[in-house]
Amino acid sequence: MFFSIIVPLYNRPVEIKEMLNSLLDQRYPHFEVIVVEDGSTKKADQIVEKFKDRLDVSYFFKENEGQGFARNYGFERAKGDFFIVFDSDIIVPADYFDQVLAGLERDGLDAFGGPDAAHPSFTAIQKAISYSMTSPFTTGGIRGNKKHVGQFHPRSFNLGISRAVWEKTGGFKLSRRSEDIEFSIRMINAGFKVGLIPEAYVYHKRRTSFQQFYKQTHNFGKGRIDIYCLYPKELKPVHALPAVFVVGLSVLLMINVINLLTMDAIYFLHILGLLGNTFLILYTVLLFLHALVTTKSLKVALLSVVAAFTQLIAYGLGFLSQYAHKFITNKKVGE
């Protein structure tokens, strides 16, 4: 089987260098790489050029339309039997394609997604963010876990589709934000077999600061409402949990302020505040201990608590704001 790797790129020349370096170590040699520069001002053409004597790599530059359409641009030019979509901020393990081939043969998949992990070279913040995005105690873990909510939907940082899937679906219909979920739903609705290959993981750097991470997960929350507008049945109660968490945290904060400012504490508010604070403390301790066991680092465990709260609050606020935007202003998806 011949694979075509499609990588959309936007102002991240350093990232693509590290990713291409990891592809040099692949045990399975039958693949090409297509880098699609999506209107970047910081171009990576010279970096890609340096790999052409060691990799079957092509570089294309197009006007900026978003990562979804950049991937379609790559699909149109791909020679492979199977297309692999990567984000630019990943490192690919040497046995990746061996694991993909084994999983495709074992499960008879037309499309798949793989999980992500933290590489030892990642910074403490990147490892903490990776923990948060894969932890069963946050919104993470669904993509890289067999115990996911409903039908598994591959995500575009590590996604594979057969040529037949591309030809029938036409690829991505949304250019940005939850474009991978929408694509996954259409694949499944078209009758293709889609699943997780747990062994086909990649090392995913994600964001390098909590500010960037907040912005990213805030968009994830908005994207969930976008998907709901297109496919109402795809919204599950669990998707609203971060929003519930944000509302609960806000209410708890108000209760604590009232209890502090009130000379004669109101009994009901006192009990409610005690219960809420106890739950919050227990949850924080649970996050810390699980992160400590998982990462085996005190520093990363402490940062993981910050990452988890950042993720839940950002996702929840994005979910709530987009819900209000769509249903109060009656805006359509993409507006």
Protein backbone atom coordinates (compact mmCIF):
# COMPACT_ATOMS: atom_id res chain seq x y z
CA MET A 1 0.00 0.00 0.00
CA PHE A 2 1.22 3.47 -0.88
CA PHE A 3 0.41 6.31 1.53
CA SER A 4 0.09 10.03 0.83
CA ILE A 5 0.76 12.23 3.86
CA ILE A 6 -1.05 15.57 3.69
CA VAL A 7 0.18 18.38 5.95
CA PRO A 8 -1.47 21.83 5.92
CA LEU A 9 0.90 24.53 7.10
CA TYR A 10 0.37 28.09 8.26
CA ASN A 11 3.30 30.16 9.55
CA ARG A 12 5.02 27.22 11.26
CA PRO A 13 8.24 26.49 9.35
CA VAL A 14 10.09 25.17 12.42
CA GLU A 15 7.37 22.61 13.16
CA ILE A 16 7.42 21.11 9.68
CA LYS A 17 11.19 20.61 9.92
CA GLU A 18 10.82 18.49 13.06
CA MET A 19 7.96 16.49 11.59
CA LEU A 20 9.82 15.76 8.33
CA ASN A 21 12.86 14.68 10.34
CA SER A 22 10.72 12.11 12.14
CA LEU A 23 9.48 10.75 8.80
CA LEU A 24 13.06 9.99 7.80
CA ASP A 25 13.08 7.26 10.46
CA GLN A 26 9.98 5.41 9.22
CA ARG A 27 10.45 1.66 8.85
CA TYR A 28 7.82 1.50 6.13
CA PRO A 29 9.16 3.37 3.08
CA HIS A 30 6.19 3.48 0.70
CA PHE A 31 4.82 6.98 1.20
CA GLU A 32 4.94 10.51 -0.17
CA VAL A 33 4.59 13.79 1.71
CA ILE A 34 2.54 16.74 0.43
CA VAL A 35 3.03 20.01 2.30
CA VAL A 36 0.36 22.62 1.55
CA GLU A 37 1.30 26.13 2.63
CA ASP A 38 -2.01 27.86 3.31
CA GLY A 39 -1.17 31.47 2.51
CA SER A 40 1.60 31.77 5.12
CA THR A 41 3.72 34.88 5.50
CA LYS A 42 6.44 32.75 7.09
CA LYS A 43 7.01 30.25 4.31
CA ALA A 44 8.64 26.84 4.72
CA ASP A 45 9.62 26.21 1.09
CA GLN A 46 13.35 26.37 1.74
CA ILE A 47 13.07 23.98 4.68
CA VAL A 48 11.05 21.47 2.65
CA GLU A 49 13.52 21.75 -0.22
CA LYS A 50 16.32 20.43 2.01
CA PHE A 51 14.43 17.15 2.48
CA LYS A 52 13.80 16.40 -1.22
CA ASP A 53 16.92 14.25 -1.55
CA ARG A 54 15.80 12.10 1.39
CA LEU A 55 12.00 12.09 1.18
CA ASP A 56 9.42 11.93 -1.60
CA VAL A 57 8.09 15.35 -0.62
CA SER A 58 6.19 18.01 -2.60
CA TYR A 59 5.53 21.61 -1.59
CA PHE A 60 2.57 23.72 -2.70
CA PHE A 61 1.60 27.28 -1.85
CA LYS A 62 -2.01 28.48 -2.05
CA GLU A 63 -4.08 31.40 -0.81
CA ASN A 64 -5.31 31.17 2.76
CA GLU A 65 -8.65 29.38 3.10
CA GLY A 66 -8.20 27.32 6.26
CA GLN A 67 -6.79 23.90 7.05
CA GLY A 68 -9.79 21.93 5.80
CA PHE A 69 -9.53 23.23 2.26
CA ALA A 70 -5.73 23.03 2.37
CA ARG A 71 -6.08 19.29 3.01
CA ASN A 72 -8.48 18.97 0.08
CA TYR A 73 -5.87 20.69 -2.08
CA GLY A 74 -3.42 17.99 -1.04
CA PHE A 75 -5.92 15.18 -1.65
CA GLU A 76 -6.41 16.38 -5.21
CA ARG A 77 -2.68 15.98 -5.88
CA ALA A 78 -2.07 12.78 -3.91
CA LYS A 79 -0.92 9.54 -5.60
CA GLY A 80 -1.57 7.20 -2.68
CA ASP A 81 -4.03 4.40 -2.05
CA PHE A 82 -4.56 5.79 1.44
CA PHE A 83 -4.28 9.39 2.63
CA ILE A 84 -2.87 10.33 6.04
CA VAL A 85 -3.59 13.78 7.47
CA PHE A 86 -1.17 15.17 10.03
CA ASP A 87 -0.95 18.50 11.83
CA SER A 88 2.42 20.18 11.48
CA ASP A 89 3.13 20.07 15.22
CA ILE A 90 3.63 16.31 15.54
CA ILE A 91 6.48 13.82 15.70
CA VAL A 92 5.79 10.47 14.01
CA PRO A 93 7.04 7.27 15.72
CA ALA A 94 9.23 5.05 13.55
CA ASP A 95 6.71 2.18 13.52
CA TYR A 96 3.67 4.34 12.73
CA PHE A 97 2.88 2.88 9.30
CA ASP A 98 3.48 -0.66 10.54
CA GLN A 99 0.81 -0.07 13.17
CA VAL A 100 -1.56 1.52 10.64
CA LEU A 101 -1.24 -1.40 8.22
CA ALA A 102 -1.82 -3.92 11.01
CA GLY A 103 -4.88 -2.00 12.24
CA LEU A 104 -6.40 -1.60 8.78
CA GLU A 105 -5.99 -5.31 8.06
CA ARG A 106 -7.30 -6.34 11.47
CA ASP A 107 -10.39 -4.12 11.51
CA GLY A 108 -11.13 -3.64 7.80
CA LEU A 109 -11.35 0.13 8.14
CA ASP A 110 -12.00 2.66 5.39
CA ALA A 111 -10.89 5.52 7.64
CA PHE A 112 -9.22 5.71 11.02
CA GLY A 113 -7.99 8.01 13.71
CA GLY A 114 -5.09 7.52 16.08
CA PRO A 115 -4.38 8.89 19.56
CA ASP A 116 -1.67 11.29 20.63
CA ALA A 117 0.97 11.21 23.34
CA ALA A 118 3.66 13.41 24.87
CA HIS A 119 7.23 12.97 23.67
CA PRO A 120 10.02 13.03 26.28
CA SER A 121 11.47 16.12 24.58
CA PHE A 122 8.30 18.18 25.16
CA THR A 123 8.34 21.06 27.63
CA ALA A 124 6.56 20.68 30.98
CA ILE A 125 3.68 22.84 29.74
CA GLN A 126 3.31 20.75 26.57
CA LYS A 127 3.27 17.57 28.64
CA ALA A 128 0.66 19.08 30.95
CA ILE A 129 -1.50 20.10 27.99
CA SER A 130 -1.10 16.62 26.52
CA TYR A 131 -2.28 15.13 29.81
CA SER A 132 -5.30 17.43 29.91
CA MET A 133 -6.27 16.59 26.33
CA THR A 134 -6.12 12.83 26.98
CA SER A 135 -7.23 12.57 30.61
CA PRO A 136 -10.48 10.74 31.47
CA PHE A 137 -11.16 13.48 34.05
CA THR A 138 -11.38 16.32 31.51
CA THR A 139 -12.90 16.65 28.04
CA GLY A 140 -9.92 14.66 26.76
CA GLY A 141 -9.49 10.93 26.34
CA ILE A 142 -12.40 10.42 23.96
CA ARG A 143 -10.38 10.49 20.74
CA GLY A 144 -7.64 8.21 21.98
CA ASN A 145 -9.73 5.81 24.00
CA LYS A 146 -11.91 2.88 23.08
CA LYS A 147 -14.42 4.02 25.69
CA HIS A 148 -15.49 7.03 23.71
CA VAL A 149 -18.88 8.73 23.65
CA GLY A 150 -21.01 7.34 20.82
CA GLN A 151 -19.44 6.76 17.40
CA PHE A 152 -15.70 7.43 17.24
CA HIS A 153 -14.85 10.51 15.17
CA PRO A 154 -11.21 10.73 14.02
CA ARG A 155 -9.52 14.09 14.47
CA SER A 156 -7.33 15.70 11.87
CA PHE A 157 -4.04 15.75 13.77
CA ASN A 158 -3.84 11.98 13.05
CA LEU A 159 -6.40 10.89 10.48
CA GLY A 160 -6.37 8.38 7.64
CA ILE A 161 -8.85 7.86 4.80
CA SER A 162 -8.91 5.58 1.78
CA ARG A 163 -8.95 7.05 -1.70
CA ALA A 164 -12.51 5.75 -2.03
CA VAL A 165 -13.58 7.89 0.96
CA TRP A 166 -12.10 11.00 -0.65
CA GLU A 167 -13.68 10.29 -4.03
CA LYS A 168 -17.15 9.71 -2.58
CA THR A 169 -17.25 12.44 0.08
CA GLY A 170 -15.21 15.16 -1.60
CA GLY A 171 -13.20 15.71 1.57
CA PHE A 172 -13.67 18.55 4.02
CA LYS A 173 -16.72 20.81 3.67
CA LEU A 174 -15.77 23.20 6.49
CA SER A 175 -12.49 25.09 6.30
CA ARG A 176 -11.95 25.61 10.02
CA ARG A 177 -13.23 24.67 13.50
CA SER A 178 -14.65 21.16 13.91
CA GLU A 179 -14.12 20.46 10.21
CA ASP A 180 -12.75 17.03 11.14
CA ILE A 181 -15.81 16.05 13.18
CA GLU A 182 -18.14 17.09 10.36
CA PHE A 183 -16.05 15.11 7.87
CA SER A 184 -16.08 12.05 10.14
CA ILE A 185 -19.86 12.17 10.45
CA ARG A 186 -20.28 12.32 6.67
CA MET A 187 -17.91 9.38 6.20
CA ILE A 188 -19.94 7.29 8.60
CA ASN A 189 -23.25 8.39 7.07
CA ALA A 190 -21.90 7.40 3.64
CA GLY A 191 -21.49 3.82 4.87
CA PHE A 192 -17.73 3.72 5.40
CA LYS A 193 -16.24 1.82 8.32
CA VAL A 194 -14.47 4.27 10.63
CA GLY A 195 -12.58 3.37 13.78
CA LEU A 196 -9.70 3.95 16.15
CA ILE A 197 -6.31 2.30 15.76
CA PRO A 198 -4.96 2.70 19.32
CA GLU A 199 -1.43 1.65 18.39
CA ALA A 200 -1.11 4.29 15.63
CA TYR A 201 -0.28 7.18 17.93
CA VAL A 202 1.73 10.32 17.25
CA TYR A 203 3.50 12.75 19.55
CA HIS A 204 1.44 15.92 19.43
CA LYS A 205 2.96 19.17 20.66
CA ARG A 206 -0.29 21.14 20.59
CA ARG A 207 0.29 24.59 22.14
CA THR A 208 3.32 26.01 23.92
CA SER A 209 1.49 28.30 26.36
CA PHE A 210 -1.72 28.25 28.37
CA GLN A 211 -2.88 31.37 26.52
CA GLN A 212 -2.65 29.54 23.19
CA PHE A 213 -4.25 26.46 24.72
CA TYR A 214 -7.15 28.53 26.03
CA LYS A 215 -7.80 29.97 22.58
CA GLN A 216 -7.67 26.53 20.97
CA THR A 217 -10.05 24.82 23.40
CA HIS A 218 -12.38 27.84 23.37
CA ASN A 219 -12.78 27.20 19.63
CA PHE A 220 -13.38 23.50 20.33
CA GLY A 221 -16.34 24.47 22.51
CA LYS A 222 -17.69 26.74 19.78
CA GLY A 223 -17.21 23.99 17.23
CA ARG A 224 -19.36 21.55 19.20
CA ILE A 225 -22.34 23.89 18.76
CA ASP A 226 -21.51 24.25 15.05
CA ILE A 227 -21.72 20.46 14.75
CA TYR A 228 -25.00 20.44 16.69
CA CYS A 229 -26.49 22.92 14.19
CA LEU A 230 -25.56 20.60 11.32
CA TYR A 231 -26.20 17.25 13.05
CA PRO A 232 -28.47 17.71 16.11
CA LYS A 233 -28.25 14.03 17.12
CA GLU A 234 -24.48 14.31 17.55
CA LEU A 235 -24.75 16.48 20.66
CA LYS A 236 -24.56 14.27 23.76
CA PRO A 237 -25.14 15.35 27.39
CA VAL A 238 -21.46 14.78 28.14
CA HIS A 239 -20.51 17.49 25.63
CA ALA A 240 -22.25 20.07 27.83
CA LEU A 241 -20.36 19.09 31.01
CA PRO A 242 -17.66 21.78 30.64
CA ALA A 243 -20.42 24.38 30.28
CA VAL A 244 -22.09 23.01 33.43
CA PHE A 245 -18.69 23.17 35.14
CA VAL A 246 -18.29 26.85 34.19
CA VAL A 247 -21.78 27.75 35.41
CA GLY A 248 -21.24 25.80 38.63
CA LEU A 249 -17.87 27.47 39.21
CA SER A 250 -19.41 30.91 38.68
CA VAL A 251 -22.26 30.18 41.08
CA LEU A 252 -19.82 28.80 43.67
CA LEU A 253 -17.70 31.94 43.41
CA MET A 254 -20.76 34.14 44.02
CA ILE A 255 -21.83 32.01 46.98
CA ASN A 256 -18.37 32.24 48.52
CA VAL A 257 -18.33 36.03 48.10
CA ILE A 258 -21.79 36.34 49.67
CA ASN A 259 -20.78 34.08 52.58
CA LEU A 260 -17.66 36.17 53.18
CA LEU A 261 -19.49 39.49 53.06
CA THR A 262 -22.54 38.44 55.06
CA MET A 263 -22.16 38.87 58.81
CA ASP A 264 -24.86 36.31 59.61
CA ALA A 265 -24.25 33.55 57.09
CA ILE A 266 -27.35 32.18 55.40
CA TYR A 267 -27.52 28.53 56.38
CA PHE A 268 -28.54 27.27 52.94
CA LEU A 269 -25.77 29.19 51.19
CA HIS A 270 -23.27 28.08 53.82
CA ILE A 271 -24.07 24.40 53.22
CA LEU A 272 -24.12 24.87 49.46
CA GLY A 273 -20.75 26.62 49.56
CA LEU A 274 -19.29 23.90 51.78
CA LEU A 275 -20.44 21.16 49.42
CA GLY A 276 -19.24 23.02 46.34
CA ASN A 277 -15.83 23.82 47.78
CA THR A 278 -15.39 20.25 48.97
CA PHE A 279 -16.18 18.89 45.51
CA LEU A 280 -13.79 21.35 43.89
CA ILE A 281 -10.97 20.43 46.26
CA LEU A 282 -11.53 16.70 45.78
CA TYR A 283 -11.62 17.10 42.01
CA THR A 284 -8.40 19.11 42.05
CA VAL A 285 -6.67 16.52 44.21
CA LEU A 286 -7.91 13.73 41.93
CA LEU A 287 -6.55 15.54 38.87
CA PHE A 288 -3.20 16.12 40.55
CA LEU A 289 -2.76 12.53 41.75
CA HIS A 290 -3.80 11.02 38.43
CA ALA A 291 -1.48 13.39 36.54
CA LEU A 292 1.35 12.56 38.95
CA VAL A 293 0.92 8.82 38.37
CA THR A 294 0.54 9.31 34.61
CA THR A 295 3.39 11.75 34.00
CA LYS A 296 5.66 10.75 36.91
CA SER A 297 6.62 14.38 37.37
CA LEU A 298 5.61 16.70 40.22
CA LYS A 299 6.06 19.80 38.06
CA VAL A 300 4.05 18.41 35.17
CA ALA A 301 1.33 17.22 37.57
CA LEU A 302 0.95 20.71 39.04
CA LEU A 303 0.85 22.25 35.57
CA SER A 304 -1.64 19.58 34.50
CA VAL A 305 -4.13 20.90 37.05
CA VAL A 306 -3.76 24.37 35.52
CA ALA A 307 -4.13 22.89 32.02
CA ALA A 308 -7.25 20.93 32.99
CA PHE A 309 -9.00 23.99 34.47
CA THR A 310 -7.92 26.07 31.47
CA GLN A 311 -9.39 23.47 29.12
CA LEU A 312 -12.69 23.06 30.96
CA ILE A 313 -13.27 26.79 31.38
CA ALA A 314 -12.26 27.67 27.81
CA TYR A 315 -14.32 24.87 26.26
CA GLY A 316 -17.31 25.65 28.48
CA LEU A 317 -17.25 29.36 27.70
CA GLY A 318 -16.86 28.65 24.00
CA PHE A 319 -19.80 26.25 24.13
CA LEU A 320 -22.02 28.77 25.96
CA SER A 321 -21.03 31.77 23.85
CA GLN A 322 -21.60 29.93 20.58
CA TYR A 323 -24.93 28.59 21.79
CA ALA A 324 -26.03 32.14 22.57
CA HIS A 325 -24.65 33.37 19.25
CA LYS A 326 -26.49 30.74 17.21
CA PHE A 327 -29.82 30.62 18.98
CA ILE A 328 -30.24 34.21 20.15
CA THR A 329 -29.00 35.87 16.95
CA ASN A 330 -30.13 32.98 14.69
CA LYS A 331 -26.80 32.87 12.89
CA LYS A 332 -25.90 30.00 10.57
CA VAL A 333 -22.80 27.80 10.81
CA GLY A 334 -19.74 29.74 9.76
CA GLU A 335 -21.19 33.15 10.56
